[in-house]
Amino acid sequence: MQSQSSRTVTWPSCKKQAEWTDENEYRPFCSKRCKLIDFGEWATGKHAIAGEALIEGDLSEGELQRQLEE
């Protein structure tokens, strides 16, 4: 497998620069530490996808299926 051309990116949490290559096992993160920090921010709600929350119990199965098909 051919690796991508090397590109350096700056990780926003630690400001560390990391190579954006297939060999970087933590890509798109610079390290395992930054990967875990990012996961923790999603898990605690610090990061979220904009939009209305959808709780399965709020919709019947048919209503949920219709919304997913739209």
PDB file of N, CA and C in Angstrom:
ATOM      1  N   MET A   1       0.842  -1.183   0.000  1.00  0.00           N
ATOM      2  CA  MET A   1       0.000   0.000   0.000  1.00  0.00           C
ATOM      3  C   MET A   1       0.887   1.246   0.000  1.00  0.00           C
ATOM      4  N   GLN A   2       0.569   2.172  -0.823  1.00  0.00           N
ATOM      5  CA  GLN A   2       1.322   3.413  -0.906  1.00  0.00           C
ATOM      6  C   GLN A   2       0.862   4.368   0.177  1.00  0.00           C
ATOM      7  N   SER A   3       1.793   5.042   0.835  1.00  0.00           N
ATOM      8  CA  SER A   3       1.382   6.016   1.842  1.00  0.00           C
ATOM      9  C   SER A   3       1.111   7.355   1.165  1.00  0.00           C
ATOM     10  N   GLN A   4       0.312   8.170   1.855  1.00  0.00           N
ATOM     11  CA  GLN A   4      -0.016   9.489   1.330  1.00  0.00           C
ATOM     12  C   GLN A   4       1.226  10.367   1.381  1.00  0.00           C
ATOM     13  N   SER A   5       1.208  11.423   0.592  1.00  0.00           N
ATOM     14  CA  SER A   5       2.313  12.367   0.699  1.00  0.00           C
ATOM     15  C   SER A   5       2.241  12.990   2.094  1.00  0.00           C
ATOM     16  N   SER A   6       3.388  13.265   2.663  1.00  0.00           N
ATOM     17  CA  SER A   6       3.469  13.746   4.031  1.00  0.00           C
ATOM     18  C   SER A   6       2.896  15.158   4.145  1.00  0.00           C
ATOM     19  N   ARG A   7       2.106  15.346   5.162  1.00  0.00           N
ATOM     20  CA  ARG A   7       1.529  16.662   5.451  1.00  0.00           C
ATOM     21  C   ARG A   7       1.543  16.826   6.964  1.00  0.00           C
ATOM     22  N   THR A   8       1.944  17.944   7.454  1.00  0.00           N
ATOM     23  CA  THR A   8       1.993  18.204   8.884  1.00  0.00           C
ATOM     24  C   THR A   8       0.767  19.006   9.284  1.00  0.00           C
ATOM     25  N   VAL A   9       0.113  18.572  10.358  1.00  0.00           N
ATOM     26  CA  VAL A   9      -1.060  19.273  10.877  1.00  0.00           C
ATOM     27  C   VAL A   9      -0.819  19.597  12.348  1.00  0.00           C
ATOM     28  N   THR A  10      -1.441  20.660  12.823  1.00  0.00           N
ATOM     29  CA  THR A  10      -1.328  21.045  14.230  1.00  0.00           C
ATOM     30  C   THR A  10      -2.589  20.615  14.947  1.00  0.00           C
ATOM     31  N   TRP A  11      -2.405  19.805  15.983  1.00  0.00           N
ATOM     32  CA  TRP A  11      -3.539  19.311  16.760  1.00  0.00           C
ATOM     33  C   TRP A  11      -4.018  20.431  17.667  1.00  0.00           C
ATOM     34  N   PRO A  12      -5.339  20.735  17.672  1.00  0.00           N
ATOM     35  CA  PRO A  12      -5.847  21.896  18.408  1.00  0.00           C
ATOM     36  C   PRO A  12      -5.706  21.816  19.933  1.00  0.00           C
ATOM     37  N   SER A  13      -5.752  20.641  20.528  1.00  0.00           N
ATOM     38  CA  SER A  13      -5.679  20.532  21.993  1.00  0.00           C
ATOM     39  C   SER A  13      -4.292  20.849  22.541  1.00  0.00           C
ATOM     40  N   CYS A  14      -3.269  20.212  21.986  1.00  0.00           N
ATOM     41  CA  CYS A  14      -1.922  20.334  22.542  1.00  0.00           C
ATOM     42  C   CYS A  14      -0.999  21.220  21.707  1.00  0.00           C
ATOM     43  N   LYS A  15      -1.454  21.629  20.539  1.00  0.00           N
ATOM     44  CA  LYS A  15      -0.680  22.461  19.603  1.00  0.00           C
ATOM     45  C   LYS A  15       0.535  21.723  19.040  1.00  0.00           C
ATOM     46  N   LYS A  16       0.595  20.415  19.245  1.00  0.00           N
ATOM     47  CA  LYS A  16       1.691  19.610  18.715  1.00  0.00           C
ATOM     48  C   LYS A  16       1.488  19.395  17.216  1.00  0.00           C
ATOM     49  N   GLN A  17       2.581  19.359  16.483  1.00  0.00           N
ATOM     50  CA  GLN A  17       2.491  19.074  15.058  1.00  0.00           C
ATOM     51  C   GLN A  17       2.686  17.581  14.844  1.00  0.00           C
ATOM     52  N   ALA A  18       1.879  17.015  13.964  1.00  0.00           N
ATOM     53  CA  ALA A  18       1.955  15.585  13.685  1.00  0.00           C
ATOM     54  C   ALA A  18       1.886  15.351  12.183  1.00  0.00           C
ATOM     55  N   GLU A  19       2.559  14.316  11.740  1.00  0.00           N
ATOM     56  CA  GLU A  19       2.521  13.948  10.328  1.00  0.00           C
ATOM     57  C   GLU A  19       1.182  13.288  10.014  1.00  0.00           C
ATOM     58  N   TRP A  20       0.559  13.698   8.929  1.00  0.00           N
ATOM     59  CA  TRP A  20      -0.699  13.123   8.474  1.00  0.00           C
ATOM     60  C   TRP A  20      -0.353  12.053   7.441  1.00  0.00           C
ATOM     61  N   THR A  21      -0.010  10.865   7.935  1.00  0.00           N
ATOM     62  CA  THR A  21       0.372   9.769   7.055  1.00  0.00           C
ATOM     63  C   THR A  21      -0.319   8.490   7.501  1.00  0.00           C
ATOM     64  N   ASP A  22      -0.315   7.489   6.642  1.00  0.00           N
ATOM     65  CA  ASP A  22      -0.897   6.196   6.985  1.00  0.00           C
ATOM     66  C   ASP A  22      -0.161   5.546   8.153  1.00  0.00           C
ATOM     67  N   GLU A  23       1.095   5.894   8.338  1.00  0.00           N
ATOM     68  CA  GLU A  23       1.892   5.294   9.404  1.00  0.00           C
ATOM     69  C   GLU A  23       1.540   5.842  10.790  1.00  0.00           C
ATOM     70  N   ASN A  24       0.862   6.972  10.868  1.00  0.00           N
ATOM     71  CA  ASN A  24       0.466   7.545  12.153  1.00  0.00           C
ATOM     72  C   ASN A  24      -0.745   6.768  12.664  1.00  0.00           C
ATOM     73  N   GLU A  25      -0.534   5.878  13.627  1.00  0.00           N
ATOM     74  CA  GLU A  25      -1.611   5.002  14.096  1.00  0.00           C
ATOM     75  C   GLU A  25      -2.742   5.747  14.803  1.00  0.00           C
ATOM     76  N   TYR A  26      -2.514   6.967  15.243  1.00  0.00           N
ATOM     77  CA  TYR A  26      -3.552   7.721  15.954  1.00  0.00           C
ATOM     78  C   TYR A  26      -4.249   8.754  15.077  1.00  0.00           C
ATOM     79  N   ARG A  27      -3.886   8.795  13.798  1.00  0.00           N
ATOM     80  CA  ARG A  27      -4.504   9.749  12.882  1.00  0.00           C
ATOM     81  C   ARG A  27      -6.017   9.632  12.946  1.00  0.00           C
ATOM     82  N   PRO A  28      -6.774  10.666  13.077  1.00  0.00           N
ATOM     83  CA  PRO A  28      -6.427  12.068  12.864  1.00  0.00           C
ATOM     84  C   PRO A  28      -5.858  12.768  14.094  1.00  0.00           C
ATOM     85  N   PHE A  29      -5.529  12.010  15.128  1.00  0.00           N
ATOM     86  CA  PHE A  29      -4.961  12.605  16.340  1.00  0.00           C
ATOM     87  C   PHE A  29      -3.447  12.485  16.311  1.00  0.00           C
ATOM     88  N   CYS A  30      -2.764  13.268  17.159  1.00  0.00           N
ATOM     89  CA  CYS A  30      -1.305  13.213  17.192  1.00  0.00           C
ATOM     90  C   CYS A  30      -0.813  12.102  18.100  1.00  0.00           C
ATOM     91  N   SER A  31      -1.629  11.707  19.072  1.00  0.00           N
ATOM     92  CA  SER A  31      -1.197  10.705  20.040  1.00  0.00           C
ATOM     93  C   SER A  31      -2.410  10.041  20.684  1.00  0.00           C
ATOM     94  N   LYS A  32      -2.148   8.977  21.421  1.00  0.00           N
ATOM     95  CA  LYS A  32      -3.220   8.296  22.146  1.00  0.00           C
ATOM     96  C   LYS A  32      -3.834   9.247  23.179  1.00  0.00           C
ATOM     97  N   ARG A  33      -2.998  10.045  23.823  1.00  0.00           N
ATOM     98  CA  ARG A  33      -3.476  10.995  24.828  1.00  0.00           C
ATOM     99  C   ARG A  33      -4.502  11.959  24.233  1.00  0.00           C
ATOM    100  N   CYS A  34      -4.172  12.565  23.099  1.00  0.00           N
ATOM    101  CA  CYS A  34      -5.103  13.511  22.468  1.00  0.00           C
ATOM    102  C   CYS A  34      -6.366  12.806  21.985  1.00  0.00           C
ATOM    103  N   LYS A  35      -6.232  11.585  21.531  1.00  0.00           N
ATOM    104  CA  LYS A  35      -7.397  10.799  21.116  1.00  0.00           C
ATOM    105  C   LYS A  35      -8.351  10.608  22.300  1.00  0.00           C
ATOM    106  N   LEU A  36      -7.803  10.266  23.472  1.00  0.00           N
ATOM    107  CA  LEU A  36      -8.628  10.051  24.662  1.00  0.00           C
ATOM    108  C   LEU A  36      -9.234  11.354  25.178  1.00  0.00           C
ATOM    109  N   ILE A  37      -8.490  12.439  25.086  1.00  0.00           N
ATOM    110  CA  ILE A  37      -9.032  13.745  25.488  1.00  0.00           C
ATOM    111  C   ILE A  37     -10.234  14.095  24.614  1.00  0.00           C
ATOM    112  N   ASP A  38     -10.096  13.923  23.301  1.00  0.00           N
ATOM    113  CA  ASP A  38     -11.187  14.232  22.381  1.00  0.00           C
ATOM    114  C   ASP A  38     -12.404  13.343  22.675  1.00  0.00           C
ATOM    115  N   PHE A  39     -12.174  12.055  22.885  1.00  0.00           N
ATOM    116  CA  PHE A  39     -13.274  11.143  23.204  1.00  0.00           C
ATOM    117  C   PHE A  39     -13.988  11.596  24.480  1.00  0.00           C
ATOM    118  N   GLY A  40     -13.219  11.991  25.487  1.00  0.00           N
ATOM    119  CA  GLY A  40     -13.809  12.463  26.736  1.00  0.00           C
ATOM    120  C   GLY A  40     -14.660  13.702  26.546  1.00  0.00           C
ATOM    121  N   GLU A  41     -14.229  14.603  25.653  1.00  0.00           N
ATOM    122  CA  GLU A  41     -15.009  15.816  25.393  1.00  0.00           C
ATOM    123  C   GLU A  41     -16.334  15.489  24.720  1.00  0.00           C
ATOM    124  N   TRP A  42     -16.358  14.488  23.836  1.00  0.00           N
ATOM    125  CA  TRP A  42     -17.618  14.058  23.228  1.00  0.00           C
ATOM    126  C   TRP A  42     -18.490  13.370  24.276  1.00  0.00           C
ATOM    127  N   ALA A  43     -17.886  12.530  25.115  1.00  0.00           N
ATOM    128  CA  ALA A  43     -18.640  11.763  26.109  1.00  0.00           C
ATOM    129  C   ALA A  43     -19.289  12.659  27.164  1.00  0.00           C
ATOM    130  N   THR A  44     -18.634  13.765  27.503  1.00  0.00           N
ATOM    131  CA  THR A  44     -19.183  14.663  28.519  1.00  0.00           C
ATOM    132  C   THR A  44     -20.099  15.730  27.934  1.00  0.00           C
ATOM    133  N   GLY A  45     -20.205  15.793  26.620  1.00  0.00           N
ATOM    134  CA  GLY A  45     -21.092  16.760  25.986  1.00  0.00           C
ATOM    135  C   GLY A  45     -20.428  18.074  25.638  1.00  0.00           C
ATOM    136  N   LYS A  46     -19.115  18.190  25.867  1.00  0.00           N
ATOM    137  CA  LYS A  46     -18.426  19.427  25.492  1.00  0.00           C
ATOM    138  C   LYS A  46     -18.478  19.630  23.982  1.00  0.00           C
ATOM    139  N   HIS A  47     -18.399  18.533  23.231  1.00  0.00           N
ATOM    140  CA  HIS A  47     -18.584  18.577  21.780  1.00  0.00           C
ATOM    141  C   HIS A  47     -19.941  17.958  21.465  1.00  0.00           C
ATOM    142  N   ALA A  48     -20.637  18.507  20.504  1.00  0.00           N
ATOM    143  CA  ALA A  48     -21.932  17.967  20.106  1.00  0.00           C
ATOM    144  C   ALA A  48     -22.225  18.350  18.663  1.00  0.00           C
ATOM    145  N   ILE A  49     -23.051  17.562  18.028  1.00  0.00           N
ATOM    146  CA  ILE A  49     -23.499  17.863  16.674  1.00  0.00           C
ATOM    147  C   ILE A  49     -24.750  18.724  16.794  1.00  0.00           C
ATOM    148  N   ALA A  50     -24.753  19.839  16.092  1.00  0.00           N
ATOM    149  CA  ALA A  50     -25.881  20.765  16.177  1.00  0.00           C
ATOM    150  C   ALA A  50     -27.160  20.113  15.678  1.00  0.00           C
ATOM    151  N   GLY A  51     -28.236  20.446  16.311  1.00  0.00           N
ATOM    152  CA  GLY A  51     -29.532  19.940  15.895  1.00  0.00           C
ATOM    153  C   GLY A  51     -30.354  19.523  17.100  1.00  0.00           C
ATOM    154  N   GLU A  52     -31.583  19.195  16.823  1.00  0.00           N
ATOM    155  CA  GLU A  52     -32.489  18.772  17.872  1.00  0.00           C
ATOM    156  C   GLU A  52     -32.157  17.353  18.322  1.00  0.00           C
ATOM    157  N   ALA A  53     -32.162  17.130  19.613  1.00  0.00           N
ATOM    158  CA  ALA A  53     -31.898  15.788  20.134  1.00  0.00           C
ATOM    159  C   ALA A  53     -33.052  14.867  19.764  1.00  0.00           C
ATOM    160  N   LEU A  54     -32.725  13.659  19.403  1.00  0.00           N
ATOM    161  CA  LEU A  54     -33.731  12.677  19.046  1.00  0.00           C
ATOM    162  C   LEU A  54     -33.626  11.525  20.030  1.00  0.00           C
ATOM    163  N   ILE A  55     -34.661  11.356  20.816  1.00  0.00           N
ATOM    164  CA  ILE A  55     -34.715  10.261  21.779  1.00  0.00           C
ATOM    165  C   ILE A  55     -35.705   9.252  21.249  1.00  0.00           C
ATOM    166  N   GLU A  56     -35.236   8.009  21.051  1.00  0.00           N
ATOM    167  CA  GLU A  56     -36.071   6.987  20.426  1.00  0.00           C
ATOM    168  C   GLU A  56     -37.444   6.861  21.077  1.00  0.00           C
ATOM    169  N   GLY A  57     -37.532   7.004  22.385  1.00  0.00           N
ATOM    170  CA  GLY A  57     -38.809   6.862  23.087  1.00  0.00           C
ATOM    171  C   GLY A  57     -39.823   7.920  22.697  1.00  0.00           C
ATOM    172  N   ASP A  58     -39.373   9.006  22.084  1.00  0.00           N
ATOM    173  CA  ASP A  58     -40.270  10.088  21.690  1.00  0.00           C
ATOM    174  C   ASP A  58     -41.062   9.762  20.433  1.00  0.00           C
ATOM    175  N   LEU A  59     -40.614   8.797  19.657  1.00  0.00           N
ATOM    176  CA  LEU A  59     -41.256   8.473  18.394  1.00  0.00           C
ATOM    177  C   LEU A  59     -41.644   7.004  18.361  1.00  0.00           C
ATOM    178  N   SER A  60     -42.746   6.723  17.697  1.00  0.00           N
ATOM    179  CA  SER A  60     -43.088   5.325  17.480  1.00  0.00           C
ATOM    180  C   SER A  60     -42.098   4.755  16.477  1.00  0.00           C
ATOM    181  N   GLU A  61     -42.026   3.448  16.365  1.00  0.00           N
ATOM    182  CA  GLU A  61     -41.091   2.824  15.435  1.00  0.00           C
ATOM    183  C   GLU A  61     -41.354   3.278  13.996  1.00  0.00           C
ATOM    184  N   GLY A  62     -42.617   3.399  13.615  1.00  0.00           N
ATOM    185  CA  GLY A  62     -42.957   3.845  12.264  1.00  0.00           C
ATOM    186  C   GLY A  62     -42.533   5.284  12.018  1.00  0.00           C
ATOM    187  N   GLU A  63     -42.740   6.159  13.004  1.00  0.00           N
ATOM    188  CA  GLU A  63     -42.341   7.558  12.861  1.00  0.00           C
ATOM    189  C   GLU A  63     -40.826   7.685  12.747  1.00  0.00           C
ATOM    190  N   LEU A  64     -40.113   6.910  13.542  1.00  0.00           N
ATOM    191  CA  LEU A  64     -38.656   6.934  13.482  1.00  0.00           C
ATOM    192  C   LEU A  64     -38.178   6.474  12.115  1.00  0.00           C
ATOM    193  N   GLN A  65     -38.738   5.406  11.598  1.00  0.00           N
ATOM    194  CA  GLN A  65     -38.342   4.889  10.287  1.00  0.00           C
ATOM    195  C   GLN A  65     -38.607   5.912   9.192  1.00  0.00           C
ATOM    196  N   ARG A  66     -39.770   6.588   9.245  1.00  0.00           N
ATOM    197  CA  ARG A  66     -40.096   7.614   8.242  1.00  0.00           C
ATOM    198  C   ARG A  66     -39.070   8.754   8.275  1.00  0.00           C
ATOM    199  N   GLN A  67     -38.678   9.189   9.474  1.00  0.00           N
ATOM    200  CA  GLN A  67     -37.702  10.272   9.587  1.00  0.00           C
ATOM    201  C   GLN A  67     -36.343   9.843   9.045  1.00  0.00           C
ATOM    202  N   LEU A  68     -35.963   8.609   9.297  1.00  0.00           N
ATOM    203  CA  LEU A  68     -34.685   8.120   8.798  1.00  0.00           C
ATOM    204  C   LEU A  68     -34.666   8.018   7.289  1.00  0.00           C
ATOM    205  N   GLU A  69     -35.800   7.781   6.675  1.00  0.00           N
ATOM    206  CA  GLU A  69     -35.890   7.653   5.226  1.00  0.00           C
ATOM    207  C   GLU A  69     -35.919   8.990   4.514  1.00  0.00           C
ATOM    208  N   GLU A  70     -36.248  10.060   5.224  1.00  0.00           N
ATOM    209  CA  GLU A  70     -36.335  11.402   4.612  1.00  0.00           C
ATOM    210  C   GLU A  70     -35.001  11.929   4.213  1.00  0.00           C
TER     211      GLU A  70
END
